[in-house]
């Protein structure tokens, strides 16, 4: 894919904790725990930090960039996605360090997507 913009994911897990909602809205068969989080989201540390156990092999739904509507510009898609990420983080009362800021959405020459 020529010039692209990798999404500046901060690995906060806010979307991973909402896989149940995503599954119900999209009708997709996604692995969901009783609390609605992804079955692949596991505790990584004693402090309660969670990480994806299958990150390198995660499905396309978990990769920003694979669901872009054909008629939408990549930068606009990432701006919308960043706003959704930030809203989920605020709802979860996460630290500001996880927020995605407009300056993080800089066009880069890279063919990979997060």
N, C-alpha and C. Protein backbone atom coordinates (compact mmCIF):
# COMPACT_ATOMS: atom_id res chain seq x y z
N UNK A 1 0.83 -1.20 0.00
CA UNK A 1 0.00 0.00 0.00
C UNK A 1 0.86 1.24 0.00
N UNK A 2 1.59 1.70 -0.86
CA UNK A 2 2.33 2.94 -0.94
C UNK A 2 2.47 3.69 0.36
N UNK A 3 2.26 5.01 0.29
CA UNK A 3 2.35 5.83 1.49
C UNK A 3 1.17 5.51 2.39
N UNK A 4 1.45 5.30 3.64
CA UNK A 4 0.41 5.04 4.61
C UNK A 4 0.80 5.67 5.93
N UNK A 5 -0.10 5.63 6.85
CA UNK A 5 0.13 6.21 8.15
C UNK A 5 -0.18 5.17 9.20
N UNK A 6 0.84 4.61 9.83
CA UNK A 6 0.54 3.65 10.89
C UNK A 6 -0.17 4.38 12.03
N UNK A 7 -1.16 3.75 12.58
CA UNK A 7 -1.92 4.35 13.67
C UNK A 7 -1.06 4.35 14.93
N UNK A 8 -0.97 5.48 15.64
CA UNK A 8 -0.13 5.56 16.83
C UNK A 8 -0.80 4.94 18.07
N UNK A 9 -1.07 3.66 17.99
CA UNK A 9 -1.70 2.95 19.10
C UNK A 9 -0.82 3.01 20.33
N UNK A 10 -1.40 3.30 21.48
CA UNK A 10 -0.64 3.38 22.73
C UNK A 10 -0.77 2.09 23.54
N UNK A 11 -1.39 1.07 22.97
CA UNK A 11 -1.55 -0.24 23.63
C UNK A 11 -2.22 -0.12 24.99
N UNK A 12 -3.20 0.76 25.09
CA UNK A 12 -3.88 0.97 26.37
C UNK A 12 -4.88 -0.14 26.69
N UNK A 13 -5.37 -0.84 25.66
CA UNK A 13 -6.31 -1.94 25.87
C UNK A 13 -7.77 -1.51 25.99
N UNK A 14 -8.07 -0.23 25.81
CA UNK A 14 -9.46 0.23 25.95
C UNK A 14 -10.39 -0.47 24.96
N UNK A 15 -9.96 -0.64 23.72
CA UNK A 15 -10.80 -1.32 22.74
C UNK A 15 -10.88 -2.82 23.05
N UNK A 16 -9.80 -3.37 23.55
CA UNK A 16 -9.77 -4.81 23.89
C UNK A 16 -10.74 -5.14 25.02
N UNK A 17 -10.96 -4.16 25.90
CA UNK A 17 -11.90 -4.38 27.00
C UNK A 17 -13.35 -4.26 26.53
N UNK A 18 -13.56 -3.89 25.27
CA UNK A 18 -14.91 -3.72 24.73
C UNK A 18 -15.21 -4.65 23.56
N UNK A 19 -14.50 -5.73 23.44
CA UNK A 19 -14.69 -6.66 22.33
C UNK A 19 -16.13 -7.20 22.32
N UNK A 20 -16.72 -7.40 23.47
CA UNK A 20 -18.11 -7.88 23.53
C UNK A 20 -19.06 -6.92 22.84
N UNK A 21 -18.86 -5.63 23.03
CA UNK A 21 -19.69 -4.62 22.37
C UNK A 21 -19.45 -4.66 20.86
N UNK A 22 -18.19 -4.74 20.48
CA UNK A 22 -17.84 -4.80 19.05
C UNK A 22 -18.48 -6.02 18.40
N UNK A 23 -18.41 -7.15 19.09
CA UNK A 23 -18.99 -8.39 18.55
C UNK A 23 -20.50 -8.26 18.38
N UNK A 24 -21.17 -7.64 19.35
CA UNK A 24 -22.63 -7.53 19.26
C UNK A 24 -23.05 -6.55 18.18
N UNK A 25 -22.28 -5.49 17.97
CA UNK A 25 -22.61 -4.49 16.94
C UNK A 25 -22.32 -5.02 15.54
N UNK A 26 -21.20 -5.73 15.38
CA UNK A 26 -20.79 -6.19 14.04
C UNK A 26 -21.33 -7.56 13.68
N UNK A 27 -21.76 -8.31 14.70
CA UNK A 27 -22.21 -9.69 14.46
C UNK A 27 -21.06 -10.65 14.26
N UNK A 28 -19.85 -10.18 14.53
CA UNK A 28 -18.67 -11.03 14.36
C UNK A 28 -18.56 -11.99 15.54
N UNK A 29 -18.01 -13.14 15.26
CA UNK A 29 -17.78 -14.15 16.30
C UNK A 29 -16.39 -13.91 16.87
N UNK A 30 -16.30 -13.12 17.94
CA UNK A 30 -15.02 -12.78 18.56
C UNK A 30 -14.93 -13.45 19.93
N UNK A 31 -13.74 -13.84 20.36
CA UNK A 31 -13.57 -14.49 21.66
C UNK A 31 -13.75 -13.49 22.79
N UNK A 32 -14.79 -13.67 23.59
CA UNK A 32 -15.13 -12.70 24.62
C UNK A 32 -15.23 -13.37 25.98
N UNK A 33 -14.64 -12.71 27.00
CA UNK A 33 -14.76 -13.17 28.38
C UNK A 33 -16.10 -12.69 28.94
N UNK A 34 -16.47 -13.19 30.11
CA UNK A 34 -17.73 -12.80 30.74
C UNK A 34 -17.84 -11.30 30.96
N UNK A 35 -16.73 -10.62 31.21
CA UNK A 35 -16.77 -9.18 31.46
C UNK A 35 -16.82 -8.35 30.17
N UNK A 36 -16.86 -9.02 29.02
CA UNK A 36 -16.96 -8.32 27.73
C UNK A 36 -15.61 -8.02 27.09
N UNK A 37 -14.53 -8.33 27.78
CA UNK A 37 -13.21 -8.08 27.21
C UNK A 37 -12.78 -9.24 26.32
N UNK A 38 -11.77 -8.99 25.53
CA UNK A 38 -11.25 -10.02 24.62
C UNK A 38 -10.64 -11.16 25.42
N UNK A 39 -10.88 -12.36 24.98
CA UNK A 39 -10.33 -13.55 25.65
C UNK A 39 -8.80 -13.60 25.57
N UNK A 40 -8.23 -12.84 24.65
CA UNK A 40 -6.77 -12.84 24.49
C UNK A 40 -6.09 -11.73 25.29
N UNK A 41 -6.87 -10.93 26.01
CA UNK A 41 -6.31 -9.87 26.85
C UNK A 41 -5.95 -10.50 28.19
N UNK A 42 -4.68 -10.53 28.50
CA UNK A 42 -4.21 -11.22 29.71
C UNK A 42 -3.42 -10.28 30.61
N UNK A 43 -3.44 -10.57 31.92
CA UNK A 43 -2.63 -9.80 32.86
C UNK A 43 -1.17 -10.04 32.58
N UNK A 44 -0.41 -8.96 32.52
CA UNK A 44 0.99 -9.02 32.16
C UNK A 44 1.88 -8.76 33.37
N UNK A 45 1.31 -8.12 34.39
CA UNK A 45 2.13 -7.79 35.56
C UNK A 45 1.28 -7.79 36.82
N UNK A 46 1.96 -7.77 37.95
CA UNK A 46 1.26 -7.74 39.24
C UNK A 46 0.50 -6.43 39.43
N UNK A 47 0.88 -5.40 38.68
CA UNK A 47 0.21 -4.10 38.78
C UNK A 47 -1.10 -4.06 38.00
N UNK A 48 -1.45 -5.15 37.37
CA UNK A 48 -2.69 -5.20 36.61
C UNK A 48 -2.57 -4.76 35.16
N UNK A 49 -1.35 -4.60 34.67
CA UNK A 49 -1.13 -4.23 33.27
C UNK A 49 -1.56 -5.42 32.41
N UNK A 50 -2.34 -5.14 31.38
CA UNK A 50 -2.79 -6.20 30.48
C UNK A 50 -2.18 -6.00 29.09
N UNK A 51 -2.02 -7.10 28.40
CA UNK A 51 -1.48 -7.10 27.05
C UNK A 51 -2.19 -8.16 26.23
N UNK A 52 -2.10 -8.02 24.93
CA UNK A 52 -2.67 -9.01 24.02
C UNK A 52 -1.72 -10.20 23.91
N UNK A 53 -2.26 -11.38 24.17
CA UNK A 53 -1.45 -12.60 24.12
C UNK A 53 -1.15 -13.05 22.69
N UNK A 54 -1.89 -12.51 21.71
CA UNK A 54 -1.70 -12.92 20.31
C UNK A 54 -1.43 -11.72 19.41
N UNK A 55 -0.83 -10.68 19.94
CA UNK A 55 -0.68 -9.42 19.22
C UNK A 55 -0.16 -9.60 17.79
N UNK A 56 0.92 -10.32 17.62
CA UNK A 56 1.50 -10.48 16.28
C UNK A 56 0.60 -11.27 15.33
N UNK A 57 -0.29 -12.08 15.88
CA UNK A 57 -1.20 -12.90 15.06
C UNK A 57 -2.65 -12.46 15.20
N UNK A 58 -2.89 -11.27 15.74
CA UNK A 58 -4.25 -10.80 16.00
C UNK A 58 -5.06 -10.71 14.71
N UNK A 59 -6.39 -10.84 14.81
CA UNK A 59 -7.23 -10.76 13.60
C UNK A 59 -7.28 -9.35 13.03
N UNK A 60 -7.70 -9.23 11.78
CA UNK A 60 -7.76 -7.94 11.10
C UNK A 60 -8.62 -6.92 11.84
N UNK A 61 -9.69 -7.35 12.50
CA UNK A 61 -10.56 -6.40 13.21
C UNK A 61 -9.76 -5.65 14.28
N UNK A 62 -8.68 -6.23 14.74
CA UNK A 62 -7.84 -5.62 15.78
C UNK A 62 -6.72 -4.76 15.19
N UNK A 63 -6.69 -4.61 13.90
CA UNK A 63 -5.64 -3.85 13.24
C UNK A 63 -6.24 -2.60 12.60
N UNK A 64 -5.91 -1.45 13.18
CA UNK A 64 -6.40 -0.19 12.61
C UNK A 64 -5.82 -0.09 11.21
N UNK A 65 -6.67 0.14 10.25
CA UNK A 65 -6.22 0.27 8.88
C UNK A 65 -6.84 -0.76 7.95
N UNK A 66 -7.39 -1.83 8.52
CA UNK A 66 -7.97 -2.87 7.70
C UNK A 66 -9.48 -2.69 7.51
N UNK A 67 -10.05 -1.70 8.18
CA UNK A 67 -11.49 -1.49 8.09
C UNK A 67 -11.83 -0.11 7.54
N UNK A 68 -10.92 0.50 6.85
CA UNK A 68 -11.14 1.85 6.33
C UNK A 68 -12.15 1.82 5.18
N UNK A 69 -13.23 2.60 5.29
CA UNK A 69 -14.16 2.68 4.17
C UNK A 69 -13.44 3.20 2.92
N UNK A 70 -13.77 2.65 1.77
CA UNK A 70 -13.11 3.02 0.52
C UNK A 70 -13.14 4.52 0.24
N UNK A 71 -14.22 5.17 0.64
CA UNK A 71 -14.38 6.59 0.32
C UNK A 71 -13.73 7.51 1.35
N UNK A 72 -13.05 6.96 2.36
CA UNK A 72 -12.49 7.79 3.42
C UNK A 72 -10.97 7.88 3.30
N UNK A 73 -10.48 9.08 3.51
CA UNK A 73 -9.05 9.36 3.54
C UNK A 73 -8.45 8.73 4.80
N UNK A 74 -7.26 8.15 4.70
CA UNK A 74 -6.61 7.47 5.82
C UNK A 74 -6.42 8.38 7.02
N UNK A 75 -5.97 9.61 6.80
CA UNK A 75 -5.75 10.54 7.91
C UNK A 75 -7.07 10.85 8.61
N UNK A 76 -8.14 11.07 7.85
CA UNK A 76 -9.45 11.32 8.47
C UNK A 76 -9.91 10.11 9.27
N UNK A 77 -9.69 8.93 8.74
CA UNK A 77 -10.06 7.70 9.46
C UNK A 77 -9.31 7.61 10.78
N UNK A 78 -8.03 7.91 10.75
CA UNK A 78 -7.23 7.85 11.97
C UNK A 78 -7.65 8.93 12.97
N UNK A 79 -8.06 10.10 12.49
CA UNK A 79 -8.54 11.15 13.40
C UNK A 79 -9.80 10.68 14.12
N UNK A 80 -10.72 10.06 13.39
CA UNK A 80 -11.94 9.54 13.99
C UNK A 80 -11.62 8.42 14.97
N UNK A 81 -10.73 7.52 14.57
CA UNK A 81 -10.33 6.42 15.44
C UNK A 81 -9.66 6.95 16.70
N UNK A 82 -8.79 7.94 16.57
CA UNK A 82 -8.12 8.53 17.73
C UNK A 82 -9.13 9.16 18.69
N UNK A 83 -10.13 9.84 18.14
CA UNK A 83 -11.16 10.44 18.99
C UNK A 83 -11.93 9.36 19.76
N UNK A 84 -12.22 8.24 19.10
CA UNK A 84 -12.91 7.13 19.77
C UNK A 84 -12.01 6.52 20.85
N UNK A 85 -10.73 6.34 20.54
CA UNK A 85 -9.78 5.81 21.53
C UNK A 85 -9.74 6.71 22.76
N UNK A 86 -9.57 8.00 22.52
CA UNK A 86 -9.48 8.95 23.63
C UNK A 86 -10.75 8.95 24.47
N UNK A 87 -11.91 8.84 23.84
CA UNK A 87 -13.18 8.81 24.58
C UNK A 87 -13.25 7.56 25.47
N UNK A 88 -12.83 6.42 24.93
CA UNK A 88 -12.84 5.18 25.74
C UNK A 88 -11.86 5.30 26.91
N UNK A 89 -10.69 5.89 26.65
CA UNK A 89 -9.70 6.06 27.70
C UNK A 89 -10.23 6.98 28.80
N UNK A 90 -10.90 8.05 28.41
CA UNK A 90 -11.48 8.97 29.40
C UNK A 90 -12.56 8.26 30.20
N UNK A 91 -13.39 7.48 29.52
CA UNK A 91 -14.44 6.72 30.21
C UNK A 91 -13.82 5.76 31.23
N UNK A 92 -12.68 5.18 30.88
CA UNK A 92 -11.98 4.25 31.78
C UNK A 92 -11.11 4.97 32.80
N UNK A 93 -11.12 6.30 32.75
CA UNK A 93 -10.31 7.13 33.66
C UNK A 93 -8.83 6.77 33.59
N UNK A 94 -8.37 6.58 32.36
CA UNK A 94 -6.96 6.24 32.15
C UNK A 94 -6.11 7.51 32.18
N UNK A 95 -4.83 7.33 32.43
CA UNK A 95 -3.90 8.45 32.48
C UNK A 95 -3.78 9.13 31.12
N UNK A 96 -3.49 10.41 31.15
CA UNK A 96 -3.34 11.23 29.95
C UNK A 96 -2.25 10.69 29.02
N UNK A 97 -1.26 10.01 29.57
CA UNK A 97 -0.15 9.49 28.77
C UNK A 97 -0.63 8.56 27.65
N UNK A 98 -1.81 7.97 27.79
CA UNK A 98 -2.33 7.06 26.78
C UNK A 98 -3.08 7.77 25.65
N UNK A 99 -3.39 9.06 25.81
CA UNK A 99 -4.16 9.77 24.81
C UNK A 99 -3.37 9.89 23.50
N UNK A 100 -4.12 9.91 22.41
CA UNK A 100 -3.54 10.11 21.09
C UNK A 100 -3.83 11.56 20.71
N UNK A 101 -2.78 12.31 20.44
CA UNK A 101 -2.89 13.74 20.14
C UNK A 101 -2.77 13.97 18.64
N UNK A 102 -3.36 15.07 18.14
CA UNK A 102 -3.29 15.35 16.70
C UNK A 102 -1.87 15.30 16.15
N UNK A 103 -0.89 15.74 16.92
CA UNK A 103 0.50 15.71 16.44
C UNK A 103 1.01 14.29 16.27
N UNK A 104 0.34 13.32 16.88
CA UNK A 104 0.74 11.92 16.72
C UNK A 104 0.32 11.38 15.35
N UNK A 105 -0.58 12.07 14.68
CA UNK A 105 -1.11 11.61 13.40
C UNK A 105 -0.35 12.30 12.26
N UNK A 106 0.90 11.93 12.12
CA UNK A 106 1.78 12.51 11.10
C UNK A 106 1.96 11.48 10.00
N UNK A 107 1.82 11.92 8.77
CA UNK A 107 1.99 10.99 7.65
C UNK A 107 3.42 10.47 7.59
N UNK A 108 3.52 9.19 7.52
CA UNK A 108 4.82 8.51 7.43
C UNK A 108 4.81 7.61 6.20
N UNK A 109 5.94 7.34 5.65
CA UNK A 109 6.04 6.39 4.56
C UNK A 109 6.29 5.03 5.17
N UNK A 110 5.23 4.22 5.26
CA UNK A 110 5.31 2.91 5.91
C UNK A 110 4.18 2.07 5.35
N UNK A 111 4.45 0.83 5.06
CA UNK A 111 3.41 -0.01 4.48
C UNK A 111 2.75 -0.91 5.50
N UNK A 112 3.07 -0.76 6.78
CA UNK A 112 2.44 -1.60 7.80
C UNK A 112 1.36 -0.83 8.54
N UNK A 113 0.39 -1.56 9.04
CA UNK A 113 -0.67 -0.97 9.83
C UNK A 113 -0.64 -1.56 11.21
N UNK A 114 -1.05 -0.78 12.22
CA UNK A 114 -1.20 -1.32 13.59
C UNK A 114 -2.51 -2.01 13.71
